[in-house]
Amino acid sequence: ARPLDQKTLENMSATYVYFANVSNLNIQENMGILPENRR
C-alpha cells in the first residue's frame, strides 16, 4: 500500500487491513524495535 496523502488521512473513515507472513522473519534482528513490555 502507498502512504496516504494528508487530506485523505484527515478525512479517513475507513478500516484498513494488513497482513504478512512471518515464516522468514529474523527474530533477533527485529526484537530491538519492540517496547519493553512487548519484548
PDB file of all heavy atoms in Angstrom:
ATOM      1  N   ALA A   1       0.838  -1.200   0.000  1.00  0.00           N
ATOM      2  CA  ALA A   1       0.000   0.000   0.000  1.00  0.00           C
ATOM      3  C   ALA A   1       0.871   1.247   0.000  1.00  0.00           C
ATOM      4  O   ALA A   1       1.960   1.271   0.568  1.00  0.00           O
ATOM      5  CB  ALA A   1      -0.899  -0.005   1.236  1.00  0.00           C
ATOM      6  N   ARG A   2       0.406   2.302  -0.670  1.00  0.00           N
ATOM      7  CA  ARG A   2       1.141   3.559  -0.718  1.00  0.00           C
ATOM      8  C   ARG A   2       0.744   4.430   0.464  1.00  0.00           C
ATOM      9  O   ARG A   2      -0.373   4.356   0.960  1.00  0.00           O
ATOM     10  CB  ARG A   2       0.822   4.283  -2.017  1.00  0.00           C
ATOM     11  CG  ARG A   2       1.304   3.559  -3.276  1.00  0.00           C
ATOM     12  CD  ARG A   2       0.932   4.349  -4.510  1.00  0.00           C
ATOM     13  NE  ARG A   2       1.397   3.678  -5.718  1.00  0.00           N
ATOM     14  CZ  ARG A   2       1.162   4.130  -6.933  1.00  0.00           C
ATOM     15  NH1 ARG A   2       0.474   5.261  -7.104  1.00  0.00           N
ATOM     16  NH2 ARG A   2       1.605   3.464  -7.980  1.00  0.00           N
ATOM     17  N   PRO A   3       1.669   5.305   0.926  1.00  0.00           N
ATOM     18  CA  PRO A   3       1.325   6.226   2.014  1.00  0.00           C
ATOM     19  C   PRO A   3       0.153   7.112   1.608  1.00  0.00           C
ATOM     20  O   PRO A   3       0.024   7.508   0.453  1.00  0.00           O
ATOM     21  CB  PRO A   3       2.614   7.047   2.184  1.00  0.00           C
ATOM     22  CG  PRO A   3       3.696   6.172   1.623  1.00  0.00           C
ATOM     23  CD  PRO A   3       3.058   5.428   0.487  1.00  0.00           C
ATOM     24  N   LEU A   4      -0.702   7.405   2.543  1.00  0.00           N
ATOM     25  CA  LEU A   4      -1.855   8.249   2.252  1.00  0.00           C
ATOM     26  C   LEU A   4      -1.457   9.716   2.277  1.00  0.00           C
ATOM     27  O   LEU A   4      -0.623  10.133   3.075  1.00  0.00           O
ATOM     28  CB  LEU A   4      -2.949   8.003   3.303  1.00  0.00           C
ATOM     29  CG  LEU A   4      -3.504   6.583   3.393  1.00  0.00           C
ATOM     30  CD1 LEU A   4      -4.527   6.513   4.496  1.00  0.00           C
ATOM     31  CD2 LEU A   4      -4.115   6.158   2.071  1.00  0.00           C
ATOM     32  N   ASP A   5      -2.057  10.522   1.391  1.00  0.00           N
ATOM     33  CA  ASP A   5      -1.803  11.951   1.438  1.00  0.00           C
ATOM     34  C   ASP A   5      -2.525  12.536   2.648  1.00  0.00           C
ATOM     35  O   ASP A   5      -3.434  11.929   3.212  1.00  0.00           O
ATOM     36  CB  ASP A   5      -2.277  12.628   0.149  1.00  0.00           C
ATOM     37  CG  ASP A   5      -3.753  12.417  -0.115  1.00  0.00           C
ATOM     38  OD1 ASP A   5      -4.564  13.030   0.599  1.00  0.00           O
ATOM     39  OD2 ASP A   5      -4.090  11.622  -1.012  1.00  0.00           O
ATOM     40  N   GLN A   6      -2.117  13.727   3.073  1.00  0.00           N
ATOM     41  CA  GLN A   6      -2.627  14.305   4.313  1.00  0.00           C
ATOM     42  C   GLN A   6      -4.134  14.533   4.284  1.00  0.00           C
ATOM     43  O   GLN A   6      -4.823  14.313   5.275  1.00  0.00           O
ATOM     44  CB  GLN A   6      -1.911  15.632   4.598  1.00  0.00           C
ATOM     45  CG  GLN A   6      -2.177  16.198   5.990  1.00  0.00           C
ATOM     46  CD  GLN A   6      -1.717  15.270   7.083  1.00  0.00           C
ATOM     47  OE1 GLN A   6      -0.709  14.576   6.925  1.00  0.00           O
ATOM     48  NE2 GLN A   6      -2.442  15.239   8.191  1.00  0.00           N
ATOM     49  N   LYS A   7      -4.659  14.957   3.134  1.00  0.00           N
ATOM     50  CA  LYS A   7      -6.096  15.210   3.031  1.00  0.00           C
ATOM     51  C   LYS A   7      -6.887  13.928   3.243  1.00  0.00           C
ATOM     52  O   LYS A   7      -7.890  13.904   3.963  1.00  0.00           O
ATOM     53  CB  LYS A   7      -6.435  15.816   1.667  1.00  0.00           C
ATOM     54  CG  LYS A   7      -7.904  16.186   1.521  1.00  0.00           C
ATOM     55  CD  LYS A   7      -8.165  16.863   0.177  1.00  0.00           C
ATOM     56  CE  LYS A   7      -9.640  17.250   0.046  1.00  0.00           C
ATOM     57  NZ  LYS A   7      -9.923  17.911  -1.262  1.00  0.00           N
ATOM     58  N   THR A   8      -6.425  12.843   2.613  1.00  0.00           N
ATOM     59  CA  THR A   8      -7.101  11.556   2.786  1.00  0.00           C
ATOM     60  C   THR A   8      -7.006  11.103   4.229  1.00  0.00           C
ATOM     61  O   THR A   8      -7.970  10.581   4.805  1.00  0.00           O
ATOM     62  CB  THR A   8      -6.473  10.482   1.865  1.00  0.00           C
ATOM     63  OG1 THR A   8      -6.585  10.923   0.515  1.00  0.00           O
ATOM     64  CG2 THR A   8      -7.176   9.149   2.024  1.00  0.00           C
ATOM     65  N   LEU A   9      -5.834  11.301   4.830  1.00  0.00           N
ATOM     66  CA  LEU A   9      -5.614  10.902   6.216  1.00  0.00           C
ATOM     67  C   LEU A   9      -6.581  11.601   7.149  1.00  0.00           C
ATOM     68  O   LEU A   9      -7.183  10.993   8.034  1.00  0.00           O
ATOM     69  CB  LEU A   9      -4.173  11.220   6.604  1.00  0.00           C
ATOM     70  CG  LEU A   9      -3.693  10.763   7.987  1.00  0.00           C
ATOM     71  CD1 LEU A   9      -3.754   9.257   8.105  1.00  0.00           C
ATOM     72  CD2 LEU A   9      -2.280  11.270   8.237  1.00  0.00           C
ATOM     73  N   GLU A  10      -6.762  12.901   6.950  1.00  0.00           N
ATOM     74  CA  GLU A  10      -7.624  13.692   7.820  1.00  0.00           C
ATOM     75  C   GLU A  10      -9.085  13.300   7.689  1.00  0.00           C
ATOM     76  O   GLU A  10      -9.856  13.393   8.641  1.00  0.00           O
ATOM     77  CB  GLU A  10      -7.448  15.184   7.498  1.00  0.00           C
ATOM     78  CG  GLU A  10      -6.077  15.722   7.882  1.00  0.00           C
ATOM     79  CD  GLU A  10      -5.862  17.146   7.420  1.00  0.00           C
ATOM     80  OE1 GLU A  10      -6.752  17.661   6.691  1.00  0.00           O
ATOM     81  OE2 GLU A  10      -4.832  17.743   7.777  1.00  0.00           O
ATOM     82  N   ASN A  11      -9.488  12.861   6.494  1.00  0.00           N
ATOM     83  CA  ASN A  11     -10.883  12.509   6.259  1.00  0.00           C
ATOM     84  C   ASN A  11     -11.136  10.992   6.313  1.00  0.00           C
ATOM     85  O   ASN A  11     -12.180  10.529   5.898  1.00  0.00           O
ATOM     86  CB  ASN A  11     -11.321  13.038   4.888  1.00  0.00           C
ATOM     87  CG  ASN A  11     -11.305  14.555   4.830  1.00  0.00           C
ATOM     88  OD1 ASN A  11     -11.729  15.207   5.769  1.00  0.00           O
ATOM     89  ND2 ASN A  11     -10.784  15.108   3.754  1.00  0.00           N
ATOM     90  N   MET A  12     -10.166  10.269   6.833  1.00  0.00           N
ATOM     91  CA  MET A  12     -10.247   8.814   6.837  1.00  0.00           C
ATOM     92  C   MET A  12     -11.432   8.319   7.645  1.00  0.00           C
ATOM     93  O   MET A  12     -11.599   8.629   8.815  1.00  0.00           O
ATOM     94  CB  MET A  12      -8.955   8.235   7.428  1.00  0.00           C
ATOM     95  CG  MET A  12      -8.915   6.730   7.485  1.00  0.00           C
ATOM     96  SD  MET A  12      -7.299   6.204   8.115  1.00  0.00           S
ATOM     97  CE  MET A  12      -7.632   4.490   8.474  1.00  0.00           C
ATOM     98  N   SER A  13     -12.315   7.562   7.017  1.00  0.00           N
ATOM     99  CA  SER A  13     -13.471   6.981   7.694  1.00  0.00           C
ATOM    100  C   SER A  13     -13.571   5.502   7.356  1.00  0.00           C
ATOM    101  O   SER A  13     -14.640   4.934   7.313  1.00  0.00           O
ATOM    102  CB  SER A  13     -14.757   7.701   7.272  1.00  0.00           C
ATOM    103  OG  SER A  13     -14.939   7.587   5.869  1.00  0.00           O
ATOM    104  N   ALA A  14     -12.421   4.909   7.099  1.00  0.00           N
ATOM    105  CA  ALA A  14     -12.382   3.507   6.704  1.00  0.00           C
ATOM    106  C   ALA A  14     -11.494   2.716   7.642  1.00  0.00           C
ATOM    107  O   ALA A  14     -10.656   3.265   8.348  1.00  0.00           O
ATOM    108  CB  ALA A  14     -11.868   3.371   5.273  1.00  0.00           C
ATOM    109  N   THR A  15     -11.697   1.411   7.619  1.00  0.00           N
ATOM    110  CA  THR A  15     -10.802   0.495   8.319  1.00  0.00           C
ATOM    111  C   THR A  15      -9.835  -0.086   7.307  1.00  0.00           C
ATOM    112  O   THR A  15     -10.244  -0.533   6.232  1.00  0.00           O
ATOM    113  CB  THR A  15     -11.595  -0.652   8.986  1.00  0.00           C
ATOM    114  OG1 THR A  15     -12.404  -0.120  10.045  1.00  0.00           O
ATOM    115  CG2 THR A  15     -10.666  -1.709   9.552  1.00  0.00           C
ATOM    116  N   TYR A  16      -8.555  -0.064   7.642  1.00  0.00           N
ATOM    117  CA  TYR A  16      -7.524  -0.610   6.764  1.00  0.00           C
ATOM    118  C   TYR A  16      -6.985  -1.905   7.359  1.00  0.00           C
ATOM    119  O   TYR A  16      -6.650  -1.958   8.545  1.00  0.00           O
ATOM    120  CB  TYR A  16      -6.404   0.410   6.564  1.00  0.00           C
ATOM    121  CG  TYR A  16      -6.822   1.536   5.649  1.00  0.00           C
ATOM    122  CD1 TYR A  16      -7.620   2.583   6.113  1.00  0.00           C
ATOM    123  CD2 TYR A  16      -6.452   1.546   4.313  1.00  0.00           C
ATOM    124  CE1 TYR A  16      -8.029   3.605   5.276  1.00  0.00           C
ATOM    125  CE2 TYR A  16      -6.853   2.566   3.460  1.00  0.00           C
ATOM    126  CZ  TYR A  16      -7.633   3.591   3.948  1.00  0.00           C
ATOM    127  OH  TYR A  16      -8.049   4.594   3.112  1.00  0.00           O
ATOM    128  N   VAL A  17      -6.904  -2.936   6.529  1.00  0.00           N
ATOM    129  CA  VAL A  17      -6.482  -4.256   6.977  1.00  0.00           C
ATOM    130  C   VAL A  17      -5.182  -4.652   6.281  1.00  0.00           C
ATOM    131  O   VAL A  17      -5.066  -4.544   5.057  1.00  0.00           O
ATOM    132  CB  VAL A  17      -7.572  -5.314   6.688  1.00  0.00           C
ATOM    133  CG1 VAL A  17      -7.102  -6.707   7.100  1.00  0.00           C
ATOM    134  CG2 VAL A  17      -8.872  -4.947   7.400  1.00  0.00           C
ATOM    135  N   TYR A  18      -4.227  -5.104   7.064  1.00  0.00           N
ATOM    136  CA  TYR A  18      -2.927  -5.512   6.548  1.00  0.00           C
ATOM    137  C   TYR A  18      -2.573  -6.886   7.107  1.00  0.00           C
ATOM    138  O   TYR A  18      -2.929  -7.206   8.240  1.00  0.00           O
ATOM    139  CB  TYR A  18      -1.838  -4.520   6.967  1.00  0.00           C
ATOM    140  CG  TYR A  18      -2.073  -3.092   6.544  1.00  0.00           C
ATOM    141  CD1 TYR A  18      -2.875  -2.243   7.312  1.00  0.00           C
ATOM    142  CD2 TYR A  18      -1.497  -2.583   5.382  1.00  0.00           C
ATOM    143  CE1 TYR A  18      -3.082  -0.919   6.930  1.00  0.00           C
ATOM    144  CE2 TYR A  18      -1.702  -1.261   4.998  1.00  0.00           C
ATOM    145  CZ  TYR A  18      -2.501  -0.438   5.780  1.00  0.00           C
ATOM    146  OH  TYR A  18      -2.705   0.856   5.403  1.00  0.00           O
ATOM    147  N   PHE A  19      -1.857  -7.680   6.326  1.00  0.00           N
ATOM    148  CA  PHE A  19      -1.407  -8.978   6.834  1.00  0.00           C
ATOM    149  C   PHE A  19      -0.053  -9.323   6.226  1.00  0.00           C
ATOM    150  O   PHE A  19       0.341  -8.785   5.184  1.00  0.00           O
ATOM    151  CB  PHE A  19      -2.440 -10.079   6.542  1.00  0.00           C
ATOM    152  CG  PHE A  19      -2.827 -10.231   5.099  1.00  0.00           C
ATOM    153  CD1 PHE A  19      -2.137 -11.100   4.259  1.00  0.00           C
ATOM    154  CD2 PHE A  19      -3.906  -9.508   4.577  1.00  0.00           C
ATOM    155  CE1 PHE A  19      -2.498 -11.237   2.937  1.00  0.00           C
ATOM    156  CE2 PHE A  19      -4.275  -9.648   3.243  1.00  0.00           C
ATOM    157  CZ  PHE A  19      -3.572 -10.517   2.424  1.00  0.00           C
ATOM    158  N   ALA A  20       0.686 -10.208   6.899  1.00  0.00           N
ATOM    159  CA  ALA A  20       2.026 -10.572   6.454  1.00  0.00           C
ATOM    160  C   ALA A  20       2.385 -11.964   6.942  1.00  0.00           C
ATOM    161  O   ALA A  20       1.928 -12.404   8.002  1.00  0.00           O
ATOM    162  CB  ALA A  20       3.054  -9.556   6.958  1.00  0.00           C
ATOM    163  N   ASN A  21       3.222 -12.649   6.163  1.00  0.00           N
ATOM    164  CA  ASN A  21       3.725 -13.967   6.525  1.00  0.00           C
ATOM    165  C   ASN A  21       5.025 -13.785   7.309  1.00  0.00           C
ATOM    166  O   ASN A  21       5.918 -13.049   6.882  1.00  0.00           O
ATOM    167  CB  ASN A  21       3.983 -14.778   5.252  1.00  0.00           C
ATOM    168  CG  ASN A  21       4.278 -16.238   5.523  1.00  0.00           C
ATOM    169  OD1 ASN A  21       5.107 -16.581   6.358  1.00  0.00           O
ATOM    170  ND2 ASN A  21       3.596 -17.121   4.805  1.00  0.00           N
ATOM    171  N   VAL A  22       5.125 -14.453   8.467  1.00  0.00           N
ATOM    172  CA  VAL A  22       6.299 -14.278   9.329  1.00  0.00           C
ATOM    173  C   VAL A  22       7.266 -15.463   9.251  1.00  0.00           C
ATOM    174  O   VAL A  22       8.200 -15.550  10.051  1.00  0.00           O
ATOM    175  CB  VAL A  22       5.879 -14.054  10.800  1.00  0.00           C
ATOM    176  CG1 VAL A  22       5.056 -12.792  10.937  1.00  0.00           C
ATOM    177  CG2 VAL A  22       5.119 -15.268  11.335  1.00  0.00           C
ATOM    178  N   SER A  23       7.058 -16.367   8.303  1.00  0.00           N
ATOM    179  CA  SER A  23       7.882 -17.579   8.217  1.00  0.00           C
ATOM    180  C   SER A  23       9.372 -17.263   8.148  1.00  0.00           C
ATOM    181  O   SER A  23      10.197 -17.969   8.748  1.00  0.00           O
ATOM    182  CB  SER A  23       7.480 -18.408   6.994  1.00  0.00           C
ATOM    183  OG  SER A  23       6.142 -18.839   7.096  1.00  0.00           O
ATOM    184  N   ASN A  24       9.741 -16.209   7.425  1.00  0.00           N
ATOM    185  CA  ASN A  24      11.156 -15.872   7.234  1.00  0.00           C
ATOM    186  C   ASN A  24      11.618 -14.718   8.117  1.00  0.00           C
ATOM    187  O   ASN A  24      12.700 -14.159   7.892  1.00  0.00           O
ATOM    188  CB  ASN A  24      11.415 -15.536   5.760  1.00  0.00           C
ATOM    189  CG  ASN A  24      11.140 -16.722   4.845  1.00  0.00           C
ATOM    190  OD1 ASN A  24      11.481 -17.864   5.172  1.00  0.00           O
ATOM    191  ND2 ASN A  24      10.516 -16.453   3.704  1.00  0.00           N
ATOM    192  N   LEU A  25      10.821 -14.364   9.103  1.00  0.00           N
ATOM    193  CA  LEU A  25      11.176 -13.244   9.971  1.00  0.00           C
ATOM    194  C   LEU A  25      12.387 -13.586  10.838  1.00  0.00           C
ATOM    195  O   LEU A  25      12.444 -14.655  11.447  1.00  0.00           O
ATOM    196  CB  LEU A  25       9.993 -12.891  10.879  1.00  0.00           C
ATOM    197  CG  LEU A  25      10.212 -11.713  11.841  1.00  0.00           C
ATOM    198  CD1 LEU A  25      10.165 -10.399  11.077  1.00  0.00           C
ATOM    199  CD2 LEU A  25       9.160 -11.720  12.947  1.00  0.00           C
ATOM    200  N   ASN A  26      13.358 -12.682  10.881  1.00  0.00           N
ATOM    201  CA  ASN A  26      14.518 -12.835  11.750  1.00  0.00           C
ATOM    202  C   ASN A  26      14.169 -12.232  13.113  1.00  0.00           C
ATOM    203  O   ASN A  26      14.055 -11.011  13.246  1.00  0.00           O
ATOM    204  CB  ASN A  26      15.739 -12.146  11.147  1.00  0.00           C
ATOM    205  CG  ASN A  26      17.013 -12.440  11.928  1.00  0.00           C
ATOM    206  OD1 ASN A  26      17.068 -12.273  13.133  1.00  0.00           O
ATOM    207  ND2 ASN A  26      18.039 -12.881  11.213  1.00  0.00           N
ATOM    208  N   ILE A  27      13.999 -13.079  14.100  1.00  0.00           N
ATOM    209  CA  ILE A  27      13.553 -12.632  15.420  1.00  0.00           C
ATOM    210  C   ILE A  27      14.552 -11.672  16.050  1.00  0.00           C
ATOM    211  O   ILE A  27      14.184 -10.595  16.541  1.00  0.00           O
ATOM    212  CB  ILE A  27      13.310 -13.832  16.355  1.00  0.00           C
ATOM    213  CG1 ILE A  27      12.186 -14.715  15.806  1.00  0.00           C
ATOM    214  CG2 ILE A  27      12.966 -13.344  17.765  1.00  0.00           C
ATOM    215  CD1 ILE A  27      11.982 -15.999  16.582  1.00  0.00           C
ATOM    216  N   GLN A  28      15.838 -12.037  16.055  1.00  0.00           N
ATOM    217  CA  GLN A  28      16.848 -11.230  16.728  1.00  0.00           C
ATOM    218  C   GLN A  28      17.010  -9.857  16.090  1.00  0.00           C
ATOM    219  O   GLN A  28      17.218  -8.857  16.780  1.00  0.00           O
ATOM    220  CB  GLN A  28      18.186 -11.976  16.737  1.00  0.00           C
ATOM    221  CG  GLN A  28      18.162 -13.259  17.558  1.00  0.00           C
ATOM    222  CD  GLN A  28      17.674 -13.046  18.982  1.00  0.00           C
ATOM    223  OE1 GLN A  28      18.045 -12.068  19.624  1.00  0.00           O
ATOM    224  NE2 GLN A  28      16.824 -13.939  19.469  1.00  0.00           N
ATOM    225  N   GLU A  29      16.921  -9.790  14.762  1.00  0.00           N
ATOM    226  CA  GLU A  29      17.075  -8.512  14.079  1.00  0.00           C
ATOM    227  C   GLU A  29      15.937  -7.551  14.385  1.00  0.00           C
ATOM    228  O   GLU A  29      16.112  -6.326  14.316  1.00  0.00           O
ATOM    229  CB  GLU A  29      17.155  -8.738  12.564  1.00  0.00           C
ATOM    230  CG  GLU A  29      18.486  -9.280  12.084  1.00  0.00           C
ATOM    231  CD  GLU A  29      18.551  -9.372  10.574  1.00  0.00           C
ATOM    232  OE1 GLU A  29      17.555  -8.974   9.909  1.00  0.00           O
ATOM    233  OE2 GLU A  29      19.571  -9.843  10.041  1.00  0.00           O
ATOM    234  N   ASN A  30      14.780  -8.099  14.718  1.00  0.00           N
ATOM    235  CA  ASN A  30      13.594  -7.255  14.932  1.00  0.00           C
ATOM    236  C   ASN A  30      13.202  -7.090  16.401  1.00  0.00           C
ATOM    237  O   ASN A  30      12.388  -6.227  16.716  1.00  0.00           O
ATOM    238  CB  ASN A  30      12.407  -7.832  14.162  1.00  0.00           C
ATOM    239  CG  ASN A  30      12.548  -7.668  12.670  1.00  0.00           C
ATOM    240  OD1 ASN A  30      12.318  -6.600  12.120  1.00  0.00           O
ATOM    241  ND2 ASN A  30      12.943  -8.737  11.984  1.00  0.00           N
ATOM    242  N   MET A  31      13.783  -7.889  17.278  1.00  0.00           N
ATOM    243  CA  MET A  31      13.411  -7.820  18.689  1.00  0.00           C
ATOM    244  C   MET A  31      13.674  -6.438  19.278  1.00  0.00           C
ATOM    245  O   MET A  31      12.937  -5.972  20.153  1.00  0.00           O
ATOM    246  CB  MET A  31      14.181  -8.883  19.481  1.00  0.00           C
ATOM    247  CG  MET A  31      13.770  -9.004  20.932  1.00  0.00           C
ATOM    248  SD  MET A  31      12.087  -9.684  21.142  1.00  0.00           S
ATOM    249  CE  MET A  31      12.436 -11.448  20.939  1.00  0.00           C
ATOM    250  N   GLY A  32      14.705  -5.763  18.782  1.00  0.00           N
ATOM    251  CA  GLY A  32      15.086  -4.480  19.343  1.00  0.00           C
ATOM    252  C   GLY A  32      14.066  -3.369  19.176  1.00  0.00           C
ATOM    253  O   GLY A  32      14.067  -2.405  19.940  1.00  0.00           O
ATOM    254  N   ILE A  33      13.176  -3.474  18.195  1.00  0.00           N
ATOM    255  CA  ILE A  33      12.205  -2.390  17.979  1.00  0.00           C
ATOM    256  C   ILE A  33      11.003  -2.519  18.920  1.00  0.00           C
ATOM    257  O   ILE A  33      10.206  -1.595  19.039  1.00  0.00           O
ATOM    258  CB  ILE A  33      11.701  -2.341  16.518  1.00  0.00           C
ATOM    259  CG1 ILE A  33      10.715  -3.484  16.227  1.00  0.00           C
ATOM    260  CG2 ILE A  33      12.860  -2.365  15.548  1.00  0.00           C
ATOM    261  CD1 ILE A  33       9.966  -3.297  14.942  1.00  0.00           C
ATOM    262  N   LEU A  34      10.885  -3.665  19.597  1.00  0.00           N
ATOM    263  CA  LEU A  34       9.747  -3.879  20.477  1.00  0.00           C
ATOM    264  C   LEU A  34       9.906  -3.091  21.768  1.00  0.00           C
ATOM    265  O   LEU A  34      11.014  -2.993  22.316  1.00  0.00           O
ATOM    266  CB  LEU A  34       9.584  -5.361  20.828  1.00  0.00           C
ATOM    267  CG  LEU A  34       8.756  -6.232  19.891  1.00  0.00           C
ATOM    268  CD1 LEU A  34       9.410  -6.334  18.520  1.00  0.00           C
ATOM    269  CD2 LEU A  34       8.542  -7.626  20.487  1.00  0.00           C
ATOM    270  N   PRO A  35       8.822  -2.524  22.296  1.00  0.00           N
ATOM    271  CA  PRO A  35       8.896  -1.876  23.605  1.00  0.00           C
ATOM    272  C   PRO A  35       9.130  -2.938  24.672  1.00  0.00           C
ATOM    273  O   PRO A  35       8.903  -4.130  24.443  1.00  0.00           O
ATOM    274  CB  PRO A  35       7.509  -1.214  23.746  1.00  0.00           C
ATOM    275  CG  PRO A  35       6.616  -2.049  22.885  1.00  0.00           C
ATOM    276  CD  PRO A  35       7.471  -2.479  21.724  1.00  0.00           C
ATOM    277  N   GLU A  36       9.591  -2.529  25.830  1.00  0.00           N
ATOM    278  CA  GLU A  36       9.980  -3.485  26.873  1.00  0.00           C
ATOM    279  C   GLU A  36       8.861  -4.450  27.256  1.00  0.00           C
ATOM    280  O   GLU A  36       9.095  -5.660  27.378  1.00  0.00           O
ATOM    281  CB  GLU A  36      10.444  -2.729  28.123  1.00  0.00           C
ATOM    282  CG  GLU A  36      10.959  -3.658  29.217  1.00  0.00           C
ATOM    283  CD  GLU A  36      11.492  -2.892  30.417  1.00  0.00           C
ATOM    284  OE1 GLU A  36      11.580  -1.654  30.339  1.00  0.00           O
ATOM    285  OE2 GLU A  36      11.819  -3.527  31.429  1.00  0.00           O
ATOM    286  N   ASN A  37       7.625  -3.930  27.417  1.00  0.00           N
ATOM    287  CA  ASN A  37       6.530  -4.813  27.823  1.00  0.00           C
ATOM    288  C   ASN A  37       6.206  -5.849  26.755  1.00  0.00           C
ATOM    289  O   ASN A  37       5.877  -6.999  27.053  1.00  0.00           O
ATOM    290  CB  ASN A  37       5.280  -4.010  28.195  1.00  0.00           C
ATOM    291  CG  ASN A  37       4.831  -3.060  27.098  1.00  0.00           C
ATOM    292  OD1 ASN A  37       5.480  -2.924  26.062  1.00  0.00           O
ATOM    293  ND2 ASN A  37       3.708  -2.391  27.327  1.00  0.00           N
ATOM    294  N   ARG A  38       6.325  -5.463  25.493  1.00  0.00           N
ATOM    295  CA  ARG A  38       6.057  -6.403  24.402  1.00  0.00           C
ATOM    296  C   ARG A  38       7.220  -7.396  24.266  1.00  0.00           C
ATOM    297  O   ARG A  38       7.008  -8.571  23.983  1.00  0.00           O
ATOM    298  CB  ARG A  38       5.876  -5.633  23.095  1.00  0.00           C
ATOM    299  CG  ARG A  38       5.428  -6.487  21.920  1.00  0.00           C
ATOM    300  CD  ARG A  38       3.949  -6.762  21.942  1.00  0.00           C
ATOM    301  NE  ARG A  38       3.596  -7.827  21.041  1.00  0.00           N
ATOM    302  CZ  ARG A  38       2.350  -8.214  20.794  1.00  0.00           C
ATOM    303  NH1 ARG A  38       1.338  -7.600  21.379  1.00  0.00           N
ATOM    304  NH2 ARG A  38       2.101  -9.210  19.971  1.00  0.00           N
ATOM    305  N   ARG A  39       8.432  -6.929  24.486  1.00  0.00           N
ATOM    306  CA  ARG A  39       9.616  -7.787  24.394  1.00  0.00           C
ATOM    307  C   ARG A  39       9.587  -8.849  25.483  1.00  0.00           C
ATOM    308  O   ARG A  39       9.913 -10.015  25.244  1.00  0.00           O
ATOM    309  CB  ARG A  39      10.882  -6.944  24.482  1.00  0.00           C
ATOM    310  CG  ARG A  39      12.162  -7.708  24.178  1.00  0.00           C
ATOM    311  CD  ARG A  39      13.305  -6.771  23.843  1.00  0.00           C
ATOM    312  NE  ARG A  39      13.551  -5.781  24.870  1.00  0.00           N
ATOM    313  CZ  ARG A  39      13.370  -4.474  24.723  1.00  0.00           C
ATOM    314  NH1 ARG A  39      12.913  -4.000  23.577  1.00  0.00           N
ATOM    315  NH2 ARG A  39      13.626  -3.639  25.696  1.00  0.00           N
TER     316      ARG A  39
END
